[in-house]
Amino acid sequence: MILPLVMIGSTLVFKDGDGIEEDEAANYALNLENVLAELLAPVLMAQRISGKDFRQELSCSINIKHREEFDEEKEPDRMVLSRWSASVEEQINSKGEKNRQLLHHVHMPLMTLLRIYRLNLG
């Protein structure tokens, strides 16, 4: 089984786990160092990134928003990561456990995105 996987729109940009060839894993590993705009399926404004981990039956969606101006003191990396779980939409997986669906607004390397994904859902 392949886990986790990350898709930008309908394009698969990362997957890991059992069942993938060594050269395929190497190609996906190259994506980890790229910023989202430099991927083969570049992330554009108002685009959605989906992440799934089949082993844990978890998924999340990340909405990308672009803005020109940042507060250099508060946002020196020129990115804002925000999450909301206010009216937590919960879904029941096949084991009867509740999963939170998180919404993020990000601009960052794919590797960082995966780390955040794993922290929030792992």
PDB file of N, CA and C in Angstrom:
ATOM      1  N   MET A   1       0.835  -1.182   0.000  1.00  0.00           N
ATOM      2  CA  MET A   1       0.000   0.000   0.000  1.00  0.00           C
ATOM      3  C   MET A   1       0.882   1.248   0.000  1.00  0.00           C
ATOM      4  N   ILE A   2       0.473   2.261  -0.746  1.00  0.00           N
ATOM      5  CA  ILE A   2       1.211   3.508  -0.842  1.00  0.00           C
ATOM      6  C   ILE A   2       0.722   4.465   0.244  1.00  0.00           C
ATOM      7  N   LEU A   3       1.662   5.063   0.969  1.00  0.00           N
ATOM      8  CA  LEU A   3       1.324   6.015   2.019  1.00  0.00           C
ATOM      9  C   LEU A   3       2.539   6.827   2.362  1.00  0.00           C
ATOM     10  N   PRO A   4       2.452   8.060   2.714  1.00  0.00           N
ATOM     11  CA  PRO A   4       1.345   8.942   2.362  1.00  0.00           C
ATOM     12  C   PRO A   4       1.458   9.373   0.909  1.00  0.00           C
ATOM     13  N   LEU A   5       0.497  10.129   0.442  1.00  0.00           N
ATOM     14  CA  LEU A   5       0.580  10.708  -0.892  1.00  0.00           C
ATOM     15  C   LEU A   5       0.087  12.142  -0.841  1.00  0.00           C
ATOM     16  N   VAL A   6       0.637  12.950  -1.765  1.00  0.00           N
ATOM     17  CA  VAL A   6       0.265  14.365  -1.864  1.00  0.00           C
ATOM     18  C   VAL A   6      -0.086  14.645  -3.316  1.00  0.00           C
ATOM     19  N   MET A   7      -1.230  15.292  -3.516  1.00  0.00           N
ATOM     20  CA  MET A   7      -1.673  15.641  -4.860  1.00  0.00           C
ATOM     21  C   MET A   7      -1.915  17.138  -4.944  1.00  0.00           C
ATOM     22  N   ILE A   8      -1.541  17.702  -6.083  1.00  0.00           N
ATOM     23  CA  ILE A   8      -1.868  19.088  -6.395  1.00  0.00           C
ATOM     24  C   ILE A   8      -2.878  19.009  -7.528  1.00  0.00           C
ATOM     25  N   GLY A   9      -4.105  19.370  -7.222  1.00  0.00           N
ATOM     26  CA  GLY A   9      -5.174  19.144  -8.193  1.00  0.00           C
ATOM     27  C   GLY A   9      -5.294  17.649  -8.432  1.00  0.00           C
ATOM     28  N   SER A  10      -5.143  17.224  -9.682  1.00  0.00           N
ATOM     29  CA  SER A  10      -5.209  15.797  -9.997  1.00  0.00           C
ATOM     30  C   SER A  10      -3.828  15.199 -10.255  1.00  0.00           C
ATOM     31  N   THR A  11      -2.759  15.964  -9.981  1.00  0.00           N
ATOM     32  CA  THR A  11      -1.394  15.502 -10.233  1.00  0.00           C
ATOM     33  C   THR A  11      -0.748  14.999  -8.952  1.00  0.00           C
ATOM     34  N   LEU A  12      -0.254  13.781  -8.987  1.00  0.00           N
ATOM     35  CA  LEU A  12       0.447  13.190  -7.852  1.00  0.00           C
ATOM     36  C   LEU A  12       1.865  13.752  -7.810  1.00  0.00           C
ATOM     37  N   VAL A  13       2.252  14.402  -6.698  1.00  0.00           N
ATOM     38  CA  VAL A  13       3.585  14.994  -6.593  1.00  0.00           C
ATOM     39  C   VAL A  13       4.468  14.295  -5.568  1.00  0.00           C
ATOM     40  N   PHE A  14       3.869  13.473  -4.701  1.00  0.00           N
ATOM     41  CA  PHE A  14       4.675  12.733  -3.731  1.00  0.00           C
ATOM     42  C   PHE A  14       3.909  11.518  -3.244  1.00  0.00           C
ATOM     43  N   LYS A  15       4.626  10.406  -3.145  1.00  0.00           N
ATOM     44  CA  LYS A  15       4.093   9.240  -2.457  1.00  0.00           C
ATOM     45  C   LYS A  15       5.266   8.476  -1.873  1.00  0.00           C
ATOM     46  N   ASP A  16       4.972   7.739  -0.843  1.00  0.00           N
ATOM     47  CA  ASP A  16       6.012   7.015  -0.130  1.00  0.00           C
ATOM     48  C   ASP A  16       5.390   5.750   0.437  1.00  0.00           C
ATOM     49  N   GLY A  17       6.215   4.770   0.725  1.00  0.00           N
ATOM     50  CA  GLY A  17       5.711   3.551   1.342  1.00  0.00           C
ATOM     51  C   GLY A  17       6.048   2.322   0.534  1.00  0.00           C
ATOM     52  N   ASP A  18       5.446   1.223   0.908  1.00  0.00           N
ATOM     53  CA  ASP A  18       5.689  -0.046   0.230  1.00  0.00           C
ATOM     54  C   ASP A  18       5.085  -0.028  -1.162  1.00  0.00           C
ATOM     55  N   GLY A  19       5.719  -0.759  -2.066  1.00  0.00           N
ATOM     56  CA  GLY A  19       5.132  -0.951  -3.379  1.00  0.00           C
ATOM     57  C   GLY A  19       5.557   0.028  -4.451  1.00  0.00           C
ATOM     58  N   ILE A  20       6.473   0.952  -4.169  1.00  0.00           N
ATOM     59  CA  ILE A  20       6.939   1.828  -5.242  1.00  0.00           C
ATOM     60  C   ILE A  20       8.379   1.464  -5.589  1.00  0.00           C
ATOM     61  N   GLU A  21       8.697   1.620  -6.852  1.00  0.00           N
ATOM     62  CA  GLU A  21      10.035   1.303  -7.352  1.00  0.00           C
ATOM     63  C   GLU A  21      11.053   2.303  -6.815  1.00  0.00           C
ATOM     64  N   GLU A  22      12.312   1.879  -6.773  1.00  0.00           N
ATOM     65  CA  GLU A  22      13.383   2.725  -6.235  1.00  0.00           C
ATOM     66  C   GLU A  22      13.548   4.015  -7.034  1.00  0.00           C
ATOM     67  N   ASP A  23      13.502   3.913  -8.379  1.00  0.00           N
ATOM     68  CA  ASP A  23      13.661   5.116  -9.205  1.00  0.00           C
ATOM     69  C   ASP A  23      12.459   6.052  -9.061  1.00  0.00           C
ATOM     70  N   GLU A  24      11.288   5.483  -8.894  1.00  0.00           N
ATOM     71  CA  GLU A  24      10.091   6.294  -8.676  1.00  0.00           C
ATOM     72  C   GLU A  24      10.191   7.042  -7.343  1.00  0.00           C
ATOM     73  N   ALA A  25      10.658   6.356  -6.302  1.00  0.00           N
ATOM     74  CA  ALA A  25      10.842   6.980  -4.987  1.00  0.00           C
ATOM     75  C   ALA A  25      11.864   8.108  -5.072  1.00  0.00           C
ATOM     76  N   ALA A  26      12.935   7.903  -5.864  1.00  0.00           N
ATOM     77  CA  ALA A  26      13.962   8.935  -6.026  1.00  0.00           C
ATOM     78  C   ALA A  26      13.379  10.175  -6.707  1.00  0.00           C
ATOM     79  N   ASN A  27      12.526   9.976  -7.715  1.00  0.00           N
ATOM     80  CA  ASN A  27      11.889  11.110  -8.393  1.00  0.00           C
ATOM     81  C   ASN A  27      10.994  11.898  -7.451  1.00  0.00           C
ATOM     82  N   TYR A  28      10.219  11.200  -6.642  1.00  0.00           N
ATOM     83  CA  TYR A  28       9.360  11.892  -5.683  1.00  0.00           C
ATOM     84  C   TYR A  28      10.188  12.601  -4.622  1.00  0.00           C
ATOM     85  N   ALA A  29      11.306  12.007  -4.224  1.00  0.00           N
ATOM     86  CA  ALA A  29      12.168  12.629  -3.213  1.00  0.00           C
ATOM     87  C   ALA A  29      12.717  13.969  -3.712  1.00  0.00           C
ATOM     88  N   LEU A  30      12.946  14.091  -5.018  1.00  0.00           N
ATOM     89  CA  LEU A  30      13.416  15.363  -5.583  1.00  0.00           C
ATOM     90  C   LEU A  30      12.408  16.484  -5.339  1.00  0.00           C
ATOM     91  N   ASN A  31      11.132  16.153  -5.330  1.00  0.00           N
ATOM     92  CA  ASN A  31      10.096  17.169  -5.100  1.00  0.00           C
ATOM     93  C   ASN A  31      10.147  17.751  -3.701  1.00  0.00           C
ATOM     94  N   LEU A  32      10.711  17.021  -2.756  1.00  0.00           N
ATOM     95  CA  LEU A  32      10.705  17.475  -1.367  1.00  0.00           C
ATOM     96  C   LEU A  32      11.487  18.765  -1.161  1.00  0.00           C
ATOM     97  N   GLU A  33      12.489  19.013  -1.988  1.00  0.00           N
ATOM     98  CA  GLU A  33      13.315  20.210  -1.839  1.00  0.00           C
ATOM     99  C   GLU A  33      12.760  21.407  -2.596  1.00  0.00           C
ATOM    100  N   ASN A  34      11.815  21.181  -3.487  1.00  0.00           N
ATOM    101  CA  ASN A  34      11.258  22.266  -4.296  1.00  0.00           C
ATOM    102  C   ASN A  34      10.216  23.058  -3.524  1.00  0.00           C
ATOM    103  N   VAL A  35      10.171  24.358  -3.797  1.00  0.00           N
ATOM    104  CA  VAL A  35       9.041  25.125  -3.296  1.00  0.00           C
ATOM    105  C   VAL A  35       7.846  24.772  -4.178  1.00  0.00           C
ATOM    106  N   LEU A  36       6.667  25.031  -3.690  1.00  0.00           N
ATOM    107  CA  LEU A  36       5.468  24.585  -4.387  1.00  0.00           C
ATOM    108  C   LEU A  36       5.370  25.128  -5.812  1.00  0.00           C
ATOM    109  N   ALA A  37       5.837  26.341  -6.045  1.00  0.00           N
ATOM    110  CA  ALA A  37       5.762  26.945  -7.377  1.00  0.00           C
ATOM    111  C   ALA A  37       6.716  26.293  -8.371  1.00  0.00           C
ATOM    112  N   GLU A  38       7.690  25.511  -7.902  1.00  0.00           N
ATOM    113  CA  GLU A  38       8.680  24.895  -8.785  1.00  0.00           C
ATOM    114  C   GLU A  38       8.394  23.427  -9.083  1.00  0.00           C
ATOM    115  N   LEU A  39       7.289  22.899  -8.616  1.00  0.00           N
ATOM    116  CA  LEU A  39       6.947  21.510  -8.890  1.00  0.00           C
ATOM    117  C   LEU A  39       6.486  21.356 -10.329  1.00  0.00           C
ATOM    118  N   LEU A  40       6.471  20.113 -10.835  1.00  0.00           N
ATOM    119  CA  LEU A  40       5.996  19.871 -12.198  1.00  0.00           C
ATOM    120  C   LEU A  40       4.545  20.315 -12.368  1.00  0.00           C
ATOM    121  N   ALA A  41       3.782  20.207 -11.305  1.00  0.00           N
ATOM    122  CA  ALA A  41       2.423  20.747 -11.277  1.00  0.00           C
ATOM    123  C   ALA A  41       2.481  21.951 -10.344  1.00  0.00           C
ATOM    124  N   PRO A  42       2.907  23.121 -10.851  1.00  0.00           N
ATOM    125  CA  PRO A  42       3.097  24.269  -9.956  1.00  0.00           C
ATOM    126  C   PRO A  42       1.807  24.659  -9.253  1.00  0.00           C
ATOM    127  N   VAL A  43       1.966  25.107  -8.026  1.00  0.00           N
ATOM    128  CA  VAL A  43       0.814  25.532  -7.232  1.00  0.00           C
ATOM    129  C   VAL A  43       0.487  26.968  -7.587  1.00  0.00           C
ATOM    130  N   LEU A  44      -0.732  27.189  -7.981  1.00  0.00           N
ATOM    131  CA  LEU A  44      -1.201  28.513  -8.345  1.00  0.00           C
ATOM    132  C   LEU A  44      -2.133  29.020  -7.263  1.00  0.00           C
ATOM    133  N   MET A  45      -2.434  30.308  -7.333  1.00  0.00           N
ATOM    134  CA  MET A  45      -3.338  30.896  -6.350  1.00  0.00           C
ATOM    135  C   MET A  45      -4.688  30.180  -6.395  1.00  0.00           C
ATOM    136  N   ALA A  46      -5.273  30.012  -5.236  1.00  0.00           N
ATOM    137  CA  ALA A  46      -6.589  29.390  -5.075  1.00  0.00           C
ATOM    138  C   ALA A  46      -6.593  27.939  -5.535  1.00  0.00           C
ATOM    139  N   GLN A  47      -5.496  27.254  -5.340  1.00  0.00           N
ATOM    140  CA  GLN A  47      -5.423  25.841  -5.688  1.00  0.00           C
ATOM    141  C   GLN A  47      -5.429  25.003  -4.419  1.00  0.00           C
ATOM    142  N   ARG A  48      -5.843  23.774  -4.528  1.00  0.00           N
ATOM    143  CA  ARG A  48      -5.946  22.881  -3.378  1.00  0.00           C
ATOM    144  C   ARG A  48      -4.916  21.760  -3.480  1.00  0.00           C
ATOM    145  N   ILE A  49      -4.267  21.502  -2.345  1.00  0.00           N
ATOM    146  CA  ILE A  49      -3.358  20.368  -2.220  1.00  0.00           C
ATOM    147  C   ILE A  49      -4.032  19.374  -1.290  1.00  0.00           C
ATOM    148  N   SER A  50      -4.013  18.110  -1.681  1.00  0.00           N
ATOM    149  CA  SER A  50      -4.620  17.065  -0.862  1.00  0.00           C
ATOM    150  C   SER A  50      -3.545  16.123  -0.371  1.00  0.00           C
ATOM    151  N   GLY A  51      -3.655  15.722   0.862  1.00  0.00           N
ATOM    152  CA  GLY A  51      -2.739  14.748   1.432  1.00  0.00           C
ATOM    153  C   GLY A  51      -3.523  13.619   2.064  1.00  0.00           C
ATOM    154  N   LYS A  52      -3.020  12.395   1.882  1.00  0.00           N
ATOM    155  CA  LYS A  52      -3.690  11.233   2.464  1.00  0.00           C
ATOM    156  C   LYS A  52      -2.646  10.284   3.025  1.00  0.00           C
ATOM    157  N   ASP A  53      -2.999   9.661   4.118  1.00  0.00           N
ATOM    158  CA  ASP A  53      -2.182   8.599   4.695  1.00  0.00           C
ATOM    159  C   ASP A  53      -3.115   7.419   4.905  1.00  0.00           C
ATOM    160  N   PHE A  54      -2.995   6.431   4.027  1.00  0.00           N
ATOM    161  CA  PHE A  54      -3.925   5.310   4.042  1.00  0.00           C
ATOM    162  C   PHE A  54      -3.752   4.409   5.258  1.00  0.00           C
ATOM    163  N   ARG A  55      -2.544   4.341   5.771  1.00  0.00           N
ATOM    164  CA  ARG A  55      -2.312   3.496   6.941  1.00  0.00           C
ATOM    165  C   ARG A  55      -3.115   4.013   8.135  1.00  0.00           C
ATOM    166  N   GLN A  56      -3.135   5.322   8.301  1.00  0.00           N
ATOM    167  CA  GLN A  56      -3.847   5.922   9.431  1.00  0.00           C
ATOM    168  C   GLN A  56      -5.266   6.361   9.064  1.00  0.00           C
ATOM    169  N   GLU A  57      -5.637   6.161   7.801  1.00  0.00           N
ATOM    170  CA  GLU A  57      -6.941   6.591   7.303  1.00  0.00           C
ATOM    171  C   GLU A  57      -7.183   8.069   7.594  1.00  0.00           C
ATOM    172  N   LEU A  58      -6.185   8.888   7.286  1.00  0.00           N
ATOM    173  CA  LEU A  58      -6.261  10.329   7.510  1.00  0.00           C
ATOM    174  C   LEU A  58      -6.148  11.068   6.193  1.00  0.00           C
ATOM    175  N   SER A  59      -6.754  12.221   6.136  1.00  0.00           N
ATOM    176  CA  SER A  59      -6.616  13.065   4.958  1.00  0.00           C
ATOM    177  C   SER A  59      -6.747  14.519   5.373  1.00  0.00           C
ATOM    178  N   CYS A  60      -6.166  15.392   4.551  1.00  0.00           N
ATOM    179  CA  CYS A  60      -6.330  16.825   4.778  1.00  0.00           C
ATOM    180  C   CYS A  60      -6.292  17.538   3.442  1.00  0.00           C
ATOM    181  N   SER A  61      -6.870  18.709   3.421  1.00  0.00           N
ATOM    182  CA  SER A  61      -6.836  19.567   2.245  1.00  0.00           C
ATOM    183  C   SER A  61      -6.188  20.873   2.652  1.00  0.00           C
ATOM    184  N   ILE A  62      -5.383  21.402   1.760  1.00  0.00           N
ATOM    185  CA  ILE A  62      -4.665  22.643   2.012  1.00  0.00           C
ATOM    186  C   ILE A  62      -5.006  23.597   0.880  1.00  0.00           C
ATOM    187  N   ASN A  63      -5.575  24.728   1.225  1.00  0.00           N
ATOM    188  CA  ASN A  63      -5.913  25.734   0.223  1.00  0.00           C
ATOM    189  C   ASN A  63      -4.808  26.768   0.178  1.00  0.00           C
ATOM    190  N   ILE A  64      -4.326  27.056  -1.015  1.00  0.00           N
ATOM    191  CA  ILE A  64      -3.246  28.015  -1.211  1.00  0.00           C
ATOM    192  C   ILE A  64      -3.848  29.363  -1.581  1.00  0.00           C
ATOM    193  N   LYS A  65      -3.429  30.390  -0.864  1.00  0.00           N
ATOM    194  CA  LYS A  65      -3.830  31.762  -1.180  1.00  0.00           C
ATOM    195  C   LYS A  65      -2.554  32.581  -1.316  1.00  0.00           C
ATOM    196  N   HIS A  66      -2.558  33.510  -2.234  1.00  0.00           N
ATOM    197  CA  HIS A  66      -1.389  34.346  -2.480  1.00  0.00           C
ATOM    198  C   HIS A  66      -1.696  35.769  -2.033  1.00  0.00           C
ATOM    199  N   ARG A  67      -0.675  36.407  -1.489  1.00  0.00           N
ATOM    200  CA  ARG A  67      -0.793  37.834  -1.206  1.00  0.00           C
ATOM    201  C   ARG A  67       0.566  38.473  -1.431  1.00  0.00           C
ATOM    202  N   GLU A  68       0.542  39.732  -1.790  1.00  0.00           N
ATOM    203  CA  GLU A  68       1.758  40.458  -2.135  1.00  0.00           C
ATOM    204  C   GLU A  68       2.475  41.032  -0.923  1.00  0.00           C
ATOM    205  N   GLU A  69       1.727  41.521   0.057  1.00  0.00           N
ATOM    206  CA  GLU A  69       2.339  42.254   1.162  1.00  0.00           C
ATOM    207  C   GLU A  69       2.371  41.430   2.439  1.00  0.00           C
ATOM    208  N   PHE A  70       3.493  41.533   3.146  1.00  0.00           N
ATOM    209  CA  PHE A  70       3.682  40.843   4.415  1.00  0.00           C
ATOM    210  C   PHE A  70       4.244  41.820   5.430  1.00  0.00           C
ATOM    211  N   ASP A  71       3.985  41.582   6.676  1.00  0.00           N
ATOM    212  CA  ASP A  71       4.600  42.324   7.772  1.00  0.00           C
ATOM    213  C   ASP A  71       5.965  41.687   8.002  1.00  0.00           C
ATOM    214  N   GLU A  72       7.026  42.393   7.639  1.00  0.00           N
ATOM    215  CA  GLU A  72       8.377  41.825   7.702  1.00  0.00           C
ATOM    216  C   GLU A  72       8.788  41.410   9.113  1.00  0.00           C
ATOM    217  N   GLU A  73       8.253  42.069  10.127  1.00  0.00           N
ATOM    218  CA  GLU A  73       8.580  41.692  11.509  1.00  0.00           C
ATOM    219  C   GLU A  73       7.835  40.437  11.937  1.00  0.00           C
ATOM    220  N   LYS A  74       6.561  40.377  11.638  1.00  0.00           N
ATOM    221  CA  LYS A  74       5.746  39.241  12.058  1.00  0.00           C
ATOM    222  C   LYS A  74       5.875  38.044  11.117  1.00  0.00           C
ATOM    223  N   GLU A  75       6.175  38.304   9.848  1.00  0.00           N
ATOM    224  CA  GLU A  75       6.215  37.249   8.832  1.00  0.00           C
ATOM    225  C   GLU A  75       7.488  37.339   7.996  1.00  0.00           C
ATOM    226  N   PRO A  76       8.662  37.172   8.619  1.00  0.00           N
ATOM    227  CA  PRO A  76       9.915  37.325   7.884  1.00  0.00           C
ATOM    228  C   PRO A  76      10.105  36.286   6.774  1.00  0.00           C
ATOM    229  N   ASP A  77       9.448  35.139   6.884  1.00  0.00           N
ATOM    230  CA  ASP A  77       9.553  34.104   5.853  1.00  0.00           C
ATOM    231  C   ASP A  77       8.595  34.343   4.692  1.00  0.00           C
ATOM    232  N   ARG A  78       7.820  35.417   4.801  1.00  0.00           N
ATOM    233  CA  ARG A  78       6.842  35.772   3.773  1.00  0.00           C
ATOM    234  C   ARG A  78       5.860  34.641   3.503  1.00  0.00           C
ATOM    235  N   MET A  79       5.429  33.996   4.578  1.00  0.00           N
ATOM    236  CA  MET A  79       4.379  32.996   4.458  1.00  0.00           C
ATOM    237  C   MET A  79       3.568  32.988   5.740  1.00  0.00           C
ATOM    238  N   VAL A  80       2.342  32.609   5.610  1.00  0.00           N
ATOM    239  CA  VAL A  80       1.447  32.539   6.754  1.00  0.00           C
ATOM    240  C   VAL A  80       0.810  31.159   6.743  1.00  0.00           C
ATOM    241  N   LEU A  81       0.910  30.497   7.848  1.00  0.00           N
ATOM    242  CA  LEU A  81       0.251  29.210   7.995  1.00  0.00           C
ATOM    243  C   LEU A  81      -0.858  29.397   9.011  1.00  0.00           C
ATOM    244  N   SER A  82      -2.063  29.186   8.573  1.00  0.00           N
ATOM    245  CA  SER A  82      -3.173  29.312   9.513  1.00  0.00           C
ATOM    246  C   SER A  82      -4.025  28.063   9.402  1.00  0.00           C
ATOM    247  N   ARG A  83      -4.628  27.715  10.503  1.00  0.00           N
ATOM    248  CA  ARG A  83      -5.497  26.555  10.442  1.00  0.00           C
ATOM    249  C   ARG A  83      -6.781  26.893  11.158  1.00  0.00           C
ATOM    250  N   TRP A  84      -7.819  26.270  10.681  1.00  0.00           N
ATOM    251  CA  TRP A  84      -9.040  26.480  11.390  1.00  0.00           C
ATOM    252  C   TRP A  84      -9.683  25.133  11.645  1.00  0.00           C
ATOM    253  N   SER A  85     -10.187  25.018  12.810  1.00  0.00           N
ATOM    254  CA  SER A  85     -10.959  23.837  13.170  1.00  0.00           C
ATOM    255  C   SER A  85     -12.123  24.289  14.046  1.00  0.00           C
ATOM    256  N   ALA A  86     -12.578  25.515  13.773  1.00  0.00           N
ATOM    257  CA  ALA A  86     -13.623  26.132  14.595  1.00  0.00           C
ATOM    258  C   ALA A  86     -14.874  25.262  14.655  1.00  0.00           C
ATOM    259  N   SER A  87     -15.578  25.165  13.554  1.00  0.00           N
ATOM    260  CA  SER A  87     -16.713  24.251  13.526  1.00  0.00           C
ATOM    261  C   SER A  87     -16.183  22.937  12.980  1.00  0.00           C
ATOM    262  N   VAL A  88     -15.451  22.249  13.801  1.00  0.00           N
ATOM    263  CA  VAL A  88     -14.710  21.057  13.377  1.00  0.00           C
ATOM    264  C   VAL A  88     -15.627  20.094  12.637  1.00  0.00           C
ATOM    265  N   GLU A  89     -15.320  19.930  11.350  1.00  0.00           N
ATOM    266  CA  GLU A  89     -16.025  18.922  10.581  1.00  0.00           C
ATOM    267  C   GLU A  89     -15.336  17.605  10.889  1.00  0.00           C
ATOM    268  N   GLU A  90     -16.068  16.705  11.402  1.00  0.00           N
ATOM    269  CA  GLU A  90     -15.463  15.426  11.744  1.00  0.00           C
ATOM    270  C   GLU A  90     -16.038  14.362  10.829  1.00  0.00           C
ATOM    271  N   GLN A  91     -15.175  13.487  10.405  1.00  0.00           N
ATOM    272  CA  GLN A  91     -15.622  12.365   9.603  1.00  0.00           C
ATOM    273  C   GLN A  91     -15.260  11.091  10.351  1.00  0.00           C
ATOM    274  N   ILE A  92     -16.038  10.089  10.174  1.00  0.00           N
ATOM    275  CA  ILE A  92     -15.795   8.822  10.840  1.00  0.00           C
ATOM    276  C   ILE A  92     -15.115   7.897   9.845  1.00  0.00           C
ATOM    277  N   ASN A  93     -13.931   7.387  10.217  1.00  0.00           N
ATOM    278  CA  ASN A  93     -13.253   6.450   9.333  1.00  0.00           C
ATOM    279  C   ASN A  93     -13.814   5.050   9.557  1.00  0.00           C
ATOM    280  N   SER A  94     -13.296   4.074   8.832  1.00  0.00           N
ATOM    281  CA  SER A  94     -13.848   2.725   8.895  1.00  0.00           C
ATOM    282  C   SER A  94     -13.668   2.072  10.259  1.00  0.00           C
ATOM    283  N   LYS A  95     -12.786   2.609  11.101  1.00  0.00           N
ATOM    284  CA  LYS A  95     -12.590   2.069  12.440  1.00  0.00           C
ATOM    285  C   LYS A  95     -13.490   2.769  13.454  1.00  0.00           C
ATOM    286  N   GLY A  96     -14.302   3.713  12.985  1.00  0.00           N
ATOM    287  CA  GLY A  96     -15.200   4.423  13.883  1.00  0.00           C
ATOM    288  C   GLY A  96     -14.539   5.559  14.636  1.00  0.00           C
ATOM    289  N   GLU A  97     -13.305   5.947  14.234  1.00  0.00           N
ATOM    290  CA  GLU A  97     -12.592   7.025  14.908  1.00  0.00           C
ATOM    291  C   GLU A  97     -12.870   8.339  14.194  1.00  0.00           C
ATOM    292  N   LYS A  98     -12.818   9.436  14.945  1.00  0.00           N
ATOM    293  CA  LYS A  98     -13.077  10.755  14.367  1.00  0.00           C
ATOM    294  C   LYS A  98     -11.778  11.374  13.867  1.00  0.00           C
ATOM    295  N   ASN A  99     -11.827  11.990  12.699  1.00  0.00           N
ATOM    296  CA  ASN A  99     -10.689  12.712  12.121  1.00  0.00           C
ATOM    297  C   ASN A  99     -11.082  14.163  11.952  1.00  0.00           C
ATOM    298  N   ARG A 100     -10.166  15.073  12.268  1.00  0.00           N
ATOM    299  CA  ARG A 100     -10.398  16.495  12.019  1.00  0.00           C
ATOM    300  C   ARG A 100      -9.911  16.829  10.623  1.00  0.00           C
ATOM    301  N   GLN A 101     -10.677  17.628   9.925  1.00  0.00           N
ATOM    302  CA  GLN A 101     -10.251  18.119   8.623  1.00  0.00           C
ATOM    303  C   GLN A 101      -9.743  19.534   8.825  1.00  0.00           C
ATOM    304  N   LEU A 102      -8.480  19.749   8.507  1.00  0.00           N
ATOM    305  CA  LEU A 102      -7.848  21.046   8.732  1.00  0.00           C
ATOM    306  C   LEU A 102      -7.698  21.791   7.418  1.00  0.00           C
ATOM    307  N   LEU A 103      -7.783  23.088   7.482  1.00  0.00           N
ATOM    308  CA  LEU A 103      -7.581  23.933   6.313  1.00  0.00           C
ATOM    309  C   LEU A 103      -6.369  24.804   6.574  1.00  0.00           C
ATOM    310  N   HIS A 104      -5.432  24.807   5.653  1.00  0.00           N
ATOM    311  CA  HIS A 104      -4.207  25.585   5.809  1.00  0.00           C
ATOM    312  C   HIS A 104      -4.068  26.551   4.635  1.00  0.00           C
ATOM    313  N   HIS A 105      -3.429  27.660   4.879  1.00  0.00           N
ATOM    314  CA  HIS A 105      -3.066  28.606   3.828  1.00  0.00           C
ATOM    315  C   HIS A 105      -1.547  28.694   3.881  1.00  0.00           C
ATOM    316  N   VAL A 106      -0.858  28.197   2.857  1.00  0.00           N
ATOM    317  CA  VAL A 106       0.589  28.058   2.964  1.00  0.00           C
ATOM    318  C   VAL A 106       1.308  28.461   1.692  1.00  0.00           C
ATOM    319  N   HIS A 107       2.563  28.810   1.850  1.00  0.00           N
ATOM    320  CA  HIS A 107       3.502  28.949   0.747  1.00  0.00           C
ATOM    321  C   HIS A 107       4.837  28.492   1.311  1.00  0.00           C
ATOM    322  N   MET A 108       5.268  27.306   0.950  1.00  0.00           N
ATOM    323  CA  MET A 108       6.460  26.724   1.564  1.00  0.00           C
ATOM    324  C   MET A 108       6.947  25.552   0.729  1.00  0.00           C
ATOM    325  N   PRO A 109       8.151  25.049   1.027  1.00  0.00           N
ATOM    326  CA  PRO A 109       8.628  23.859   0.333  1.00  0.00           C
ATOM    327  C   PRO A 109       7.741  22.659   0.653  1.00  0.00           C
ATOM    328  N   LEU A 110       7.652  21.739  -0.293  1.00  0.00           N
ATOM    329  CA  LEU A 110       6.841  20.541  -0.104  1.00  0.00           C
ATOM    330  C   LEU A 110       7.286  19.753   1.120  1.00  0.00           C
ATOM    331  N   MET A 111       8.591  19.697   1.405  1.00  0.00           N
ATOM    332  CA  MET A 111       9.104  18.963   2.571  1.00  0.00           C
ATOM    333  C   MET A 111       8.496  19.525   3.854  1.00  0.00           C
ATOM    334  N   THR A 112       8.456  20.842   3.970  1.00  0.00           N
ATOM    335  CA  THR A 112       7.875  21.481   5.152  1.00  0.00           C
ATOM    336  C   THR A 112       6.390  21.178   5.237  1.00  0.00           C
ATOM    337  N   LEU A 113       5.729  21.222   4.101  1.00  0.00           N
ATOM    338  CA  LEU A 113       4.315  20.901   4.051  1.00  0.00           C
ATOM    339  C   LEU A 113       4.055  19.492   4.570  1.00  0.00           C
ATOM    340  N   LEU A 114       4.876  18.530   4.164  1.00  0.00           N
ATOM    341  CA  LEU A 114       4.701  17.153   4.624  1.00  0.00           C
ATOM    342  C   LEU A 114       4.960  17.022   6.110  1.00  0.00           C
ATOM    343  N   ARG A 115       5.939  17.753   6.621  1.00  0.00           N
ATOM    344  CA  ARG A 115       6.206  17.707   8.065  1.00  0.00           C
ATOM    345  C   ARG A 115       5.003  18.223   8.848  1.00  0.00           C
ATOM    346  N   ILE A 116       4.433  19.327   8.403  1.00  0.00           N
ATOM    347  CA  ILE A 116       3.261  19.888   9.073  1.00  0.00           C
ATOM    348  C   ILE A 116       2.093  18.918   8.972  1.00  0.00           C
ATOM    349  N   TYR A 117       1.930  18.341   7.804  1.00  0.00           N
ATOM    350  CA  TYR A 117       0.860  17.366   7.588  1.00  0.00           C
ATOM    351  C   TYR A 117       0.999  16.207   8.565  1.00  0.00           C
ATOM    352  N   ARG A 118       2.199  15.698   8.712  1.00  0.00           N
ATOM    353  CA  ARG A 118       2.421  14.570   9.618  1.00  0.00           C
ATOM    354  C   ARG A 118       2.238  14.980  11.073  1.00  0.00           C
ATOM    355  N   LEU A 119       2.643  16.198  11.433  1.00  0.00           N
ATOM    356  CA  LEU A 119       2.450  16.666  12.811  1.00  0.00           C
ATOM    357  C   LEU A 119       0.970  16.810  13.151  1.00  0.00           C
ATOM    358  N   ASN A 120       0.209  17.356  12.212  1.00  0.00           N
ATOM    359  CA  ASN A 120      -1.207  17.579  12.476  1.00  0.00           C
ATOM    360  C   ASN A 120      -2.027  16.300  12.436  1.00  0.00           C
ATOM    361  N   LEU A 121      -1.639  15.382  11.561  1.00  0.00           N
ATOM    362  CA  LEU A 121      -2.463  14.197  11.371  1.00  0.00           C
ATOM    363  C   LEU A 121      -1.833  12.925  11.901  1.00  0.00           C
ATOM    364  N   GLY A 122      -0.523  12.949  12.137  1.00  0.00           N
ATOM    365  CA  GLY A 122       0.170  11.741  12.571  1.00  0.00           C
ATOM    366  C   GLY A 122       0.039  11.567  13.998  1.00  0.00           C
TER     367      GLY A 122
END
